[in-house]
Protein backbone atom coordinates (compact mmCIF):
# COMPACT_ATOMS: atom_id res chain seq x y z
CA MET A 1 -212.05 -94.83 -20.54
CA ARG A 2 -208.42 -95.85 -20.21
CA VAL A 3 -207.87 -99.24 -21.88
CA MET A 4 -204.66 -101.00 -20.85
CA ASN A 5 -202.83 -103.45 -23.09
CA THR A 6 -202.38 -106.98 -21.77
CA PRO A 7 -198.79 -108.29 -21.73
CA PRO A 8 -197.88 -111.91 -22.49
CA SER A 9 -198.41 -114.20 -19.51
CA THR A 10 -195.54 -113.98 -17.03
CA SER A 11 -195.01 -114.14 -13.30
CA LEU A 12 -192.60 -111.21 -13.37
CA THR A 13 -193.43 -107.63 -12.50
CA ALA A 14 -192.28 -104.64 -14.54
CA PHE A 15 -189.09 -104.30 -12.49
CA ASP A 16 -187.06 -106.31 -9.98
CA PRO A 17 -184.36 -104.27 -8.20
CA ASP A 18 -182.69 -107.47 -7.01
CA CYS A 19 -182.73 -109.36 -10.31
CA ARG A 20 -179.65 -111.53 -10.95
CA ARG A 21 -181.06 -113.73 -13.70
CA CYS A 22 -178.06 -113.17 -15.98
CA PRO A 23 -174.84 -114.52 -14.42
CA ARG A 24 -172.52 -112.51 -16.66
CA LEU A 25 -174.29 -109.23 -15.95
CA ALA A 26 -174.59 -109.91 -12.22
CA GLY A 27 -170.89 -110.72 -12.02
CA PHE A 28 -169.94 -107.63 -13.98
CA LEU A 29 -172.01 -105.41 -11.70
CA ASP A 30 -170.17 -106.90 -8.71
CA GLU A 31 -166.84 -106.03 -10.35
CA VAL A 32 -167.87 -102.47 -11.13
CA ARG A 33 -169.24 -102.01 -7.61
CA THR A 34 -165.81 -102.90 -6.26
CA GLU A 35 -164.22 -100.26 -8.50
CA HIS A 36 -166.94 -97.66 -7.84
CA PRO A 37 -168.62 -98.33 -4.47
CA ASP A 38 -170.65 -95.11 -4.77
CA TYR A 39 -172.30 -96.21 -8.04
CA HIS A 40 -175.84 -97.62 -8.26
CA CYS A 41 -174.49 -100.90 -9.77
CA ALA A 42 -177.84 -102.71 -9.85
CA PRO A 43 -180.75 -103.05 -12.26
CA VAL A 44 -181.83 -99.53 -13.25
CA PRO A 45 -185.55 -98.91 -12.77
CA PRO A 46 -187.78 -97.26 -15.35
CA PHE A 47 -188.22 -93.54 -14.84
CA GLY A 48 -191.51 -91.71 -15.22
CA PRO A 49 -195.19 -92.23 -14.35
CA GLU A 50 -196.78 -95.62 -14.97
CA THR A 51 -199.73 -93.79 -16.54
CA ALA A 52 -197.55 -92.27 -19.29
CA ARG A 53 -198.65 -92.59 -22.90
CA LEU A 54 -195.11 -92.34 -24.28
CA LEU A 55 -192.66 -95.14 -23.48
CA ILE A 56 -189.05 -94.61 -24.56
CA VAL A 57 -186.98 -97.79 -24.83
CA GLY A 58 -183.20 -97.56 -24.84
CA LEU A 59 -180.54 -100.28 -24.97
CA ALA A 60 -178.95 -100.64 -21.51
CA PRO A 61 -177.47 -98.49 -18.71
CA GLY A 62 -174.12 -96.84 -19.42
CA LYS A 63 -171.26 -97.62 -17.03
CA HIS A 64 -170.73 -94.04 -15.88
CA GLY A 65 -174.26 -92.91 -16.67
CA ALA A 66 -177.40 -94.73 -15.52
CA ASN A 67 -175.35 -97.46 -13.85
CA ALA A 68 -173.80 -94.74 -11.69
CA SER A 69 -176.84 -92.50 -11.13
CA GLY A 70 -179.62 -95.10 -11.01
CA ARG A 71 -181.75 -93.15 -13.52
CA PRO A 72 -181.97 -93.98 -17.26
CA PHE A 73 -179.85 -91.73 -19.49
CA THR A 74 -178.55 -89.69 -16.57
CA GLY A 75 -174.85 -88.93 -16.23
CA ASP A 76 -173.71 -89.71 -19.76
CA HIS A 77 -173.56 -87.97 -23.14
CA ALA A 78 -176.69 -89.62 -24.57
CA GLY A 79 -178.85 -88.15 -21.83
CA ILE A 80 -177.84 -84.58 -22.63
CA LEU A 81 -179.66 -84.59 -25.96
CA LEU A 82 -182.50 -86.81 -24.76
CA TYR A 83 -183.58 -84.72 -21.78
CA ARG A 84 -183.15 -81.44 -23.63
CA THR A 85 -185.42 -82.75 -26.39
CA LEU A 86 -187.94 -84.12 -23.90
CA HIS A 87 -188.14 -80.69 -22.27
CA THR A 88 -188.57 -78.95 -25.62
CA HIS A 89 -191.64 -81.05 -26.38
CA GLY A 90 -193.19 -80.84 -22.93
CA PHE A 91 -192.27 -84.32 -21.68
CA ALA A 92 -189.84 -83.19 -18.95
CA SER A 93 -190.02 -80.47 -16.31
CA ARG A 94 -186.45 -79.34 -16.97
CA PRO A 95 -183.88 -79.78 -19.76
CA VAL A 96 -181.05 -81.36 -17.73
CA SER A 97 -181.04 -84.61 -15.75
CA GLU A 98 -178.28 -84.35 -13.16
CA HIS A 99 -178.99 -87.15 -10.70
CA ALA A 100 -181.85 -89.30 -9.43
CA ALA A 101 -182.83 -86.82 -6.70
CA ASP A 102 -182.63 -83.58 -8.68
CA GLY A 103 -186.40 -83.03 -8.78
CA LEU A 104 -186.79 -83.55 -12.53
CA ARG A 105 -190.19 -84.97 -13.47
CA LEU A 106 -191.29 -86.65 -16.65
CA GLN A 107 -194.72 -85.68 -17.94
CA ASP A 108 -196.78 -88.29 -19.83
CA CYS A 109 -193.48 -90.04 -20.57
CA ARG A 110 -191.60 -93.04 -19.16
CA ILE A 111 -188.06 -94.17 -19.96
CA THR A 112 -186.79 -97.73 -19.73
CA ASN A 113 -184.17 -100.01 -21.30
CA ALA A 114 -184.35 -103.30 -23.16
CA VAL A 115 -181.75 -104.58 -20.68
CA LYS A 116 -181.91 -103.20 -17.14
CA CYS A 117 -178.31 -104.02 -16.11
CA LEU A 118 -174.98 -102.69 -17.34
CA PRO A 119 -173.44 -105.09 -19.91
CA PRO A 120 -169.69 -105.35 -20.54
CA GLN A 121 -168.67 -103.02 -23.40
CA ASN A 122 -172.33 -101.94 -23.58
CA LYS A 123 -173.11 -105.12 -25.54
CA PRO A 124 -175.71 -107.45 -24.05
CA THR A 125 -175.94 -110.95 -25.46
CA THR A 126 -179.03 -112.24 -27.20
CA ALA A 127 -179.74 -114.46 -24.19
CA GLU A 128 -179.53 -111.47 -21.83
CA ILE A 129 -181.90 -109.43 -23.97
CA ARG A 130 -184.36 -112.32 -23.93
CA ALA A 131 -184.01 -112.84 -20.17
CA CYS A 132 -184.97 -109.19 -19.57
CA ASN A 133 -187.73 -109.13 -22.16
CA ALA A 134 -190.54 -110.15 -19.82
CA TYR A 135 -190.01 -106.95 -17.83
CA LEU A 136 -190.40 -104.91 -21.00
CA ALA A 137 -193.55 -106.87 -21.85
CA GLN A 138 -195.06 -105.81 -18.54
CA GLU A 139 -194.18 -102.16 -19.20
CA LEU A 140 -195.75 -102.30 -22.64
CA GLY A 141 -198.82 -103.79 -21.02
CA MET A 142 -199.25 -100.65 -18.94
CA LEU A 143 -199.52 -98.42 -22.01
CA PRO A 144 -203.04 -97.29 -22.86
CA SER A 145 -204.53 -97.71 -26.31
CA GLY A 146 -203.23 -94.90 -28.47
CA GLY A 147 -199.88 -94.92 -26.69
CA VAL A 148 -196.57 -94.46 -28.45
CA VAL A 149 -193.41 -96.52 -28.05
CA LEU A 150 -190.19 -94.82 -29.12
CA ALA A 151 -187.35 -97.29 -29.72
CA LEU A 152 -183.84 -95.84 -29.61
CA GLY A 153 -181.88 -98.16 -31.87
CA SER A 154 -182.48 -101.51 -33.53
CA ILE A 155 -181.89 -103.60 -30.39
CA ALA A 156 -184.61 -101.70 -28.52
CA HIS A 157 -186.86 -101.96 -31.60
CA ASN A 158 -186.45 -105.73 -31.80
CA ALA A 159 -186.91 -106.10 -28.04
CA VAL A 160 -190.28 -104.33 -28.30
CA LEU A 161 -191.40 -106.68 -31.06
CA ARG A 162 -190.31 -109.73 -29.06
CA ALA A 163 -192.10 -108.47 -25.95
CA LEU A 164 -195.32 -108.23 -27.95
CA GLY A 165 -194.89 -111.70 -29.45
CA LEU A 166 -194.11 -110.38 -32.94
CA LYS A 167 -191.47 -111.55 -35.40
CA GLN A 168 -188.68 -109.14 -36.29
CA SER A 169 -189.80 -109.34 -39.90
CA ALA A 170 -193.12 -107.78 -38.89
CA ALA A 171 -191.54 -104.32 -38.71
CA ARG A 172 -188.09 -103.33 -39.94
CA PHE A 173 -186.07 -100.76 -38.02
CA ALA A 174 -185.33 -97.46 -39.78
CA HIS A 175 -184.86 -93.99 -38.41
CA ALA A 176 -188.20 -92.13 -38.20
CA ALA A 177 -190.13 -95.23 -39.30
CA GLU A 178 -193.61 -95.79 -37.88
CA HIS A 179 -195.21 -99.15 -37.23
CA ASP A 180 -198.67 -100.10 -36.01
CA LEU A 181 -198.61 -102.42 -33.00
CA PRO A 182 -201.32 -104.53 -31.34
CA GLY A 183 -203.50 -102.75 -28.84
CA GLU A 184 -203.68 -99.59 -30.96
CA LEU A 185 -200.10 -98.68 -30.11
CA MET A 186 -197.63 -96.98 -32.44
CA LEU A 187 -193.92 -97.79 -32.60
CA LEU A 188 -191.59 -94.97 -33.66
CA ASP A 189 -187.92 -95.61 -34.44
CA SER A 190 -184.91 -93.40 -33.92
CA TYR A 191 -181.21 -93.91 -34.08
CA HIS A 192 -179.85 -94.09 -30.55
CA CYS A 193 -178.68 -90.72 -29.18
CA SER A 194 -175.23 -92.10 -28.38
CA ARG A 195 -172.08 -90.01 -28.63
CA TYR A 196 -170.96 -92.06 -31.63
CA ASN A 197 -174.16 -91.40 -33.59
CA THR A 198 -174.29 -87.69 -32.79
CA GLN A 199 -170.58 -87.01 -33.37
CA THR A 200 -170.63 -88.80 -36.74
CA ARG A 201 -173.88 -86.95 -37.52
CA ARG A 202 -175.65 -90.17 -38.29
CA LEU A 203 -178.14 -88.60 -35.89
CA THR A 204 -178.42 -84.82 -35.84
CA GLU A 205 -180.27 -82.80 -33.24
CA GLU A 206 -182.77 -81.80 -35.92
CA MET A 207 -183.45 -85.46 -36.79
CA PHE A 208 -183.97 -86.35 -33.15
CA ASP A 209 -186.22 -83.35 -32.58
CA ALA A 210 -188.39 -84.34 -35.54
CA VAL A 211 -189.03 -87.80 -34.08
CA PHE A 212 -190.20 -86.28 -30.79
CA ALA A 213 -192.33 -83.75 -32.63
CA ARG A 214 -194.00 -86.68 -34.37
CA ALA A 215 -194.54 -88.49 -31.06
CA ARG A 216 -196.14 -85.36 -29.63
CA ALA A 217 -198.38 -84.99 -32.68
CA LEU A 218 -199.53 -88.61 -32.44
CA LEU A 219 -200.37 -88.25 -28.75
CA ASP A 220 -202.16 -84.96 -29.34
CA GLY A 221 -204.20 -86.47 -32.15
CA ALA A 222 -202.71 -84.39 -34.96
C-alpha cells in the first residue's frame, strides 16, 4: 500500500503558475520578460510524475536556463550533468534535456526548486525562500514512505528541513550525507551541479554519480 506523507497545514497547492507573492521576484521577472519576450519568465513548475519516489530539490531557476525553457535545469550548464546522470541511473528516458517539449520523461523522479522564480543574481532572500516553502511542503507530502529527497546545495537542504517543520540543526548539510526524515523518508545531500562547482572540481562527475547511485540503491532496497 502506498502511504503518502502529510505536509504541514496550508491552503496552497504544490504549484501556482501565477504566483506573485514576492514583489522583488515578480518585478524582476517583468524586467526579464521585457528583455526576452520569448522566455518563460514565470514560476517554473516541478517536472516529473507526482508518484515519483525520488524528489530532487534545486535552488532556483537560472536566467537563461529554466527561466527561459520553463523546465527545471533545462538550458543551462547545471542541467547537462544532471540529466546525463539521471539517464545513467534509469531516472530519465534520455541523457539531454533540450526544451520543455522535447519528449524527455522522468522515471520515478521529480525535479523542483526551493524557489520557483528567477531571483536577481541567482540569490533569493531568506524571506523569498520562506514564502515559497509551503509549495515545497506540499511536494514533500506527495512522497511515499521510503522515498528519497536529494538536496542540491545547502539552501535546498535547509528548505527541505523547514518544509518539514525541522530545525536546521537537526541535520547538517555535507556532500553525500544522509539524514533520516519523518515519514520514513531519506534526505541525501550533494553539492549543487553548478558550473562554478564543477569547474573548480568541488564537485566532480564521479562524486555526483556516486550520490545518484546511492539514491538508486536506497529506492531499490539495497
